[in-house]
Protein backbone atom coordinates (compact mmCIF):
# COMPACT_ATOMS: atom_id res chain seq x y z
CA UNK A 1 -134.83 -25.52 -11.14
CA UNK A 2 -132.20 -25.23 -13.71
CA UNK A 3 -129.66 -26.42 -11.59
CA UNK A 4 -131.49 -29.64 -10.65
CA UNK A 5 -129.92 -31.71 -13.70
CA UNK A 6 -126.38 -30.57 -12.98
CA UNK A 7 -126.93 -31.37 -9.21
CA UNK A 8 -128.14 -35.11 -10.07
CA UNK A 9 -125.18 -35.29 -12.48
CA UNK A 10 -122.63 -34.60 -9.87
CA UNK A 11 -124.31 -36.83 -7.32
CA UNK A 12 -124.24 -39.60 -9.94
CA UNK A 13 -120.61 -39.06 -10.49
CA UNK A 14 -119.90 -38.71 -7.02
CA UNK A 15 -121.47 -41.97 -6.08
CA UNK A 16 -119.85 -43.80 -8.99
CA UNK A 17 -116.49 -43.01 -7.55
CA UNK A 18 -117.28 -44.82 -4.16
CA UNK A 19 -117.41 -48.46 -5.51
CA UNK A 20 -114.08 -48.21 -7.35
CA UNK A 21 -112.27 -46.61 -4.46
CA UNK A 22 -113.67 -49.25 -2.20
CA UNK A 23 -112.66 -51.84 -4.44
CA UNK A 24 -109.01 -50.46 -4.43
CA UNK A 25 -109.06 -50.16 -0.63
CA UNK A 26 -110.33 -53.61 -0.43
CA UNK A 27 -108.02 -55.11 -2.66
CA UNK A 28 -105.01 -53.43 -0.80
CA UNK A 29 -106.36 -54.80 2.51
CA UNK A 30 -106.56 -58.13 1.13
CA UNK A 31 -103.07 -58.18 -0.25
CA UNK A 32 -101.81 -56.94 3.37
CA UNK A 33 -103.64 -59.93 4.85
CA UNK A 34 -102.60 -62.34 2.37
CA UNK A 35 -98.86 -61.24 3.06
CA UNK A 36 -99.60 -61.60 6.63
CA UNK A 37 -101.02 -64.91 6.54
CA UNK A 38 -98.22 -66.14 4.33
CA UNK A 39 -95.57 -64.76 6.68
CA UNK A 40 -97.21 -66.64 9.42
CA UNK A 41 -97.21 -69.86 7.30
CA UNK A 42 -93.90 -69.42 5.68
CA UNK A 43 -91.88 -67.19 7.65
CA UNK A 44 -89.19 -64.95 5.86
CA UNK A 45 -85.96 -66.81 5.83
CA UNK A 46 -82.22 -65.81 4.71
CA UNK A 47 -81.80 -66.29 1.16
CA UNK A 48 -78.56 -67.93 1.71
CA UNK A 49 -78.69 -70.32 4.85
CA UNK A 50 -82.52 -70.16 5.33
CA UNK A 51 -82.26 -69.02 8.98
CA UNK A 52 -84.98 -66.65 10.11
CA UNK A 53 -84.89 -63.15 9.10
CA UNK A 54 -87.27 -60.04 9.54
CA UNK A 55 -88.26 -59.61 5.99
CA UNK A 56 -88.38 -61.73 2.81
CA UNK A 57 -85.46 -61.54 0.27
CA UNK A 58 -83.13 -60.67 2.85
CA UNK A 59 -79.83 -61.95 4.31
CA UNK A 60 -79.33 -62.70 7.96
CA UNK A 61 -76.79 -61.10 9.94
CA UNK A 62 -74.14 -63.96 9.60
CA UNK A 63 -74.37 -64.40 5.91
CA UNK A 64 -74.21 -60.67 5.57
CA UNK A 65 -71.08 -60.62 7.28
CA UNK A 66 -69.89 -63.42 5.23
CA UNK A 67 -69.97 -61.45 2.06
CA UNK A 68 -66.58 -59.54 1.20
CA UNK A 69 -68.10 -56.24 -0.08
CA UNK A 70 -65.76 -54.20 -2.45
CA UNK A 71 -65.78 -50.66 -1.32
CA UNK A 72 -63.13 -47.96 -1.91
CA UNK A 73 -60.30 -47.62 -2.23
CA UNK A 74 -60.31 -49.69 -5.54
CA UNK A 75 -58.89 -49.57 -9.10
CA UNK A 76 -60.75 -47.08 -11.15
CA UNK A 77 -60.67 -49.46 -14.27
CA UNK A 78 -61.08 -52.95 -12.81
CA UNK A 79 -62.69 -52.11 -9.73
CA UNK A 80 -60.49 -54.22 -7.87
CA UNK A 81 -59.83 -53.59 -4.17
CA UNK A 82 -56.66 -51.66 -3.03
CA UNK A 83 -55.20 -52.90 0.64
CA UNK A 84 -54.14 -49.10 1.31
CA UNK A 85 -55.92 -45.91 0.31
CA UNK A 86 -53.31 -43.96 -1.88
CA UNK A 87 -55.96 -41.41 -3.15
CA UNK A 88 -58.71 -41.39 -5.74
CA UNK A 89 -58.34 -42.08 -9.60
CA UNK A 90 -55.33 -44.72 -9.09
CA UNK A 91 -55.30 -47.83 -11.54
CA UNK A 92 -53.86 -51.14 -10.37
CA UNK A 93 -50.99 -52.68 -11.83
CA UNK A 94 -52.96 -55.06 -13.66
CA UNK A 95 -54.93 -52.38 -15.47
CA UNK A 96 -51.68 -50.49 -16.57
CA UNK A 97 -49.93 -53.65 -17.84
CA UNK A 98 -52.92 -55.21 -19.70
CA UNK A 99 -55.74 -52.42 -20.17
CA UNK A 100 -59.14 -53.66 -20.24
CA UNK A 101 -61.50 -53.12 -23.44
CA UNK A 102 -64.08 -51.97 -21.30
CA UNK A 103 -63.83 -48.41 -19.52
CA UNK A 104 -64.75 -49.42 -16.03
CA UNK A 105 -66.01 -52.37 -13.92
CA UNK A 106 -67.93 -52.70 -10.70
CA UNK A 107 -68.97 -55.66 -8.48
CA UNK A 108 -70.82 -55.90 -5.12
CA UNK A 109 -68.28 -58.31 -3.63
CA UNK A 110 -65.68 -60.67 -3.96
CA UNK A 111 -66.73 -64.23 -5.44
CA UNK A 112 -65.95 -66.41 -2.31
CA UNK A 113 -68.02 -67.62 0.81
CA UNK A 114 -71.65 -66.63 0.96
CA UNK A 115 -71.31 -64.86 -2.59
CA UNK A 116 -70.15 -67.92 -4.23
CA UNK A 117 -73.06 -69.76 -2.62
CA UNK A 118 -75.48 -67.28 -3.79
CA UNK A 119 -74.30 -66.95 -7.36
CA UNK A 120 -74.35 -70.95 -7.81
CA UNK A 121 -78.03 -71.13 -6.35
CA UNK A 122 -79.08 -68.47 -8.88
CA UNK A 123 -76.91 -70.00 -11.71
CA UNK A 124 -77.38 -73.86 -11.30
CA UNK A 125 -80.14 -74.31 -8.49
CA UNK A 126 -83.19 -72.68 -10.11
CA UNK A 127 -83.33 -69.80 -7.62
CA UNK A 128 -84.48 -67.37 -10.10
CA UNK A 129 -85.79 -65.41 -7.10
CA UNK A 130 -82.51 -64.29 -5.78
CA UNK A 131 -82.13 -62.13 -8.83
CA UNK A 132 -84.06 -59.50 -7.27
CA UNK A 133 -81.86 -59.21 -4.12
CA UNK A 134 -78.78 -59.49 -5.83
CA UNK A 135 -79.80 -57.12 -8.92
CA UNK A 136 -80.75 -54.43 -5.96
CA UNK A 137 -77.37 -54.89 -4.72
CA UNK A 138 -75.77 -54.24 -7.85
CA UNK A 139 -77.60 -51.19 -8.55
CA UNK A 140 -76.10 -49.89 -5.44
CA UNK A 141 -72.60 -50.79 -6.10
CA UNK A 142 -72.87 -49.43 -9.70
CA UNK A 143 -74.05 -46.01 -8.52
CA UNK A 144 -71.16 -44.46 -10.27
CA UNK A 145 -71.93 -46.16 -13.65
CA UNK A 146 -75.76 -45.91 -13.71
CA UNK A 147 -75.91 -42.10 -14.37
CA UNK A 148 -73.58 -42.32 -17.21
CA UNK A 149 -75.29 -45.45 -18.85
CA UNK A 150 -77.76 -45.06 -22.00
CA UNK A 151 -78.37 -48.80 -22.15
CA UNK A 152 -78.44 -51.98 -20.03
CA UNK A 153 -77.22 -55.19 -21.78
CA UNK A 154 -76.92 -58.60 -20.14
CA UNK A 155 -73.98 -60.86 -21.14
CA UNK A 156 -75.77 -63.53 -23.37
CA UNK A 157 -75.47 -67.32 -23.08
CA UNK A 158 -75.48 -69.53 -26.33
CA UNK A 159 -78.67 -70.91 -27.30
CA UNK A 160 -77.68 -74.52 -26.61
CA UNK A 161 -76.61 -73.59 -23.15
CA UNK A 162 -79.71 -71.43 -22.51
CA UNK A 163 -81.94 -74.42 -23.59
CA UNK A 164 -80.12 -76.43 -21.02
CA UNK A 165 -80.21 -73.77 -18.14
CA UNK A 166 -83.79 -72.60 -19.05
CA UNK A 167 -82.71 -69.06 -18.21
CA UNK A 168 -79.90 -66.48 -18.42
CA UNK A 169 -78.74 -65.53 -14.96
CA UNK A 170 -77.39 -62.21 -16.45
CA UNK A 171 -80.45 -61.18 -18.31
CA UNK A 172 -82.42 -61.60 -14.90
CA UNK A 173 -80.03 -59.28 -13.02
CA UNK A 174 -79.93 -56.93 -16.16
CA UNK A 175 -83.85 -56.58 -15.67
CA UNK A 176 -83.64 -55.73 -12.08
CA UNK A 177 -80.70 -53.29 -12.52
CA UNK A 178 -82.42 -51.71 -15.29
CA UNK A 179 -85.80 -51.12 -13.17
CA UNK A 180 -83.96 -49.73 -10.33
CA UNK A 181 -82.04 -47.41 -12.47
CA UNK A 182 -84.95 -46.40 -14.92
CA UNK A 183 -82.68 -47.06 -17.67
CA UNK A 184 -83.86 -48.89 -21.06
CA UNK A 185 -83.11 -52.54 -21.22
CA UNK A 186 -82.00 -54.50 -24.32
CA UNK A 187 -81.91 -58.19 -23.52
CA UNK A 188 -81.29 -59.18 -27.21
CA UNK A 189 -78.95 -56.24 -28.42
CA UNK A 190 -75.93 -58.54 -27.97
CA UNK A 191 -75.77 -62.38 -29.14
CA UNK A 192 -73.52 -65.18 -28.16
CA UNK A 193 -72.90 -66.72 -31.74
CA UNK A 194 -70.21 -69.37 -31.06
CA UNK A 195 -70.71 -72.20 -28.69
CA UNK A 196 -67.53 -72.00 -26.32
CA UNK A 197 -65.84 -74.59 -23.91
CA UNK A 198 -66.54 -73.87 -20.18
CA UNK A 199 -64.38 -71.15 -18.93
CA UNK A 200 -63.65 -73.00 -15.71
CA UNK A 201 -60.30 -74.30 -15.20
CA UNK A 202 -58.92 -72.46 -18.26
CA UNK A 203 -56.04 -69.91 -18.17
CA UNK A 204 -56.39 -66.34 -19.08
CA UNK A 205 -54.88 -67.02 -22.38
CA UNK A 206 -56.97 -70.13 -23.07
CA UNK A 207 -60.17 -68.25 -21.83
CA UNK A 208 -59.44 -65.37 -24.62
CA UNK A 209 -58.78 -67.68 -27.35
CA UNK A 210 -61.81 -69.72 -26.34
CA UNK A 211 -64.01 -66.51 -26.72
CA UNK A 212 -62.43 -65.27 -29.85
CA UNK A 213 -65.60 -64.27 -32.32
CA UNK A 214 -68.02 -65.50 -29.51
CA UNK A 215 -70.13 -62.20 -29.43
CA UNK A 216 -72.08 -60.26 -32.02
CA UNK A 217 -74.41 -57.27 -32.16
CA UNK A 218 -77.30 -58.30 -34.58
CA UNK A 219 -77.82 -55.99 -37.32
CA UNK A 220 -81.33 -55.09 -36.22
CA UNK A 221 -79.91 -53.83 -32.67
CA UNK A 222 -77.07 -51.66 -33.95
CA UNK A 223 -79.36 -48.54 -34.01
CA UNK A 224 -79.88 -49.22 -30.31
CA UNK A 225 -75.97 -49.28 -29.63
CA UNK A 226 -74.57 -46.85 -31.89
CA UNK A 227 -73.36 -43.72 -29.89
CA UNK A 228 -74.59 -44.95 -26.61
CA UNK A 229 -72.66 -45.75 -23.54
CA UNK A 230 -73.55 -49.34 -22.69
CA UNK A 231 -73.73 -51.09 -19.29
CA UNK A 232 -72.96 -54.68 -19.67
CA UNK A 233 -74.32 -56.85 -17.08
CA UNK A 234 -73.10 -60.29 -15.76
CA UNK A 235 -73.13 -62.59 -12.53
CA UNK A 236 -69.36 -62.83 -12.09
CA UNK A 237 -66.24 -61.17 -13.25
CA UNK A 238 -63.35 -63.76 -13.53
CA UNK A 239 -60.22 -63.10 -15.52
CA UNK A 240 -62.27 -60.38 -17.50
CA UNK A 241 -61.87 -62.43 -20.93
CA UNK A 242 -65.62 -62.72 -21.14
CA UNK A 243 -66.16 -58.91 -20.07
CA UNK A 244 -63.48 -57.92 -22.90
CA UNK A 245 -64.88 -60.26 -25.70
CA UNK A 246 -68.60 -58.85 -25.17
CA UNK A 247 -67.20 -55.09 -24.81
CA UNK A 248 -65.13 -55.57 -27.83
CA UNK A 249 -68.48 -56.73 -29.93
CA UNK A 250 -70.56 -53.90 -28.54
CA UNK A 251 -67.88 -51.02 -29.10
CA UNK A 252 -67.41 -52.69 -32.78
CA UNK A 253 -71.07 -51.87 -33.13
CA UNK A 254 -70.66 -48.30 -32.56
CA UNK A 255 -71.18 -47.95 -28.88
CA UNK A 256 -69.25 -44.97 -27.47
CA UNK A 257 -68.18 -46.82 -24.47
CA UNK A 258 -68.84 -49.96 -22.20
CA UNK A 259 -69.12 -50.48 -18.54
CA UNK A 260 -69.30 -53.82 -16.71
CA UNK A 261 -71.21 -54.45 -13.64
CA UNK A 262 -71.26 -57.73 -11.95
CA UNK A 263 -72.70 -58.98 -8.75
CA UNK A 264 -69.29 -60.69 -7.70
CA UNK A 265 -65.76 -60.75 -8.95
CA UNK A 266 -62.55 -62.98 -8.24
CA UNK A 267 -59.99 -60.86 -6.75
CA UNK A 268 -56.20 -62.24 -6.66
CA UNK A 269 -53.31 -60.85 -5.32
CA UNK A 270 -52.10 -59.66 -8.46
CA UNK A 271 -55.42 -57.76 -9.18
């Protein structure tokens, strides 16, 4: 007779689990059904050309083939590809003649063809959804950098440009990369304090002058930067002027080292 209250309690606890579990299973089935229905009404399409694909947020075979992926062999500092494999650990003539402020740079692909179209759609076409796919590709391309990184920081926009564009594409990409790598994200650790001219059309020297004093680590963010290896995220690496200016500001704030990870980079014959 003394066991009856305990038995009743167990039965009550067990029966109380059933509705919650049933609700969770029902919600999962509902989500699956909704995804299936959406897939019928809005079949998945290529993020570049809108052709049909087997899954959402993907590239069709033609557009995938149109991306100039950067793979080894490449310069250990700049991440620019070599035409011939001469062994690991080599530096390009550009890296030797004009060493960058940052330690290492890596990019998914060359800034041309499909890659250029994707960047332009993300940056100017309000296609913020593209950040998910591009960010995942960046996490894969940056697999050498991520294990060494302590903090992920996006290259910021000046507040007036941010107001005009409504979002910072680098911050959107950084959020995905940080989540993929399970790294802390510091979106406000670096600020763009100088409103610069558009970099498009400027020479390397003009870009460097244009970005002089453009970035600063706010005093409140210094404790997060000091002594840490920072991974800076941007959409495109062109001449390296922006990356150098941003890296210089982070190093002045006490970072131990700075690496750069972008989706695309401009590759010239002299790289």
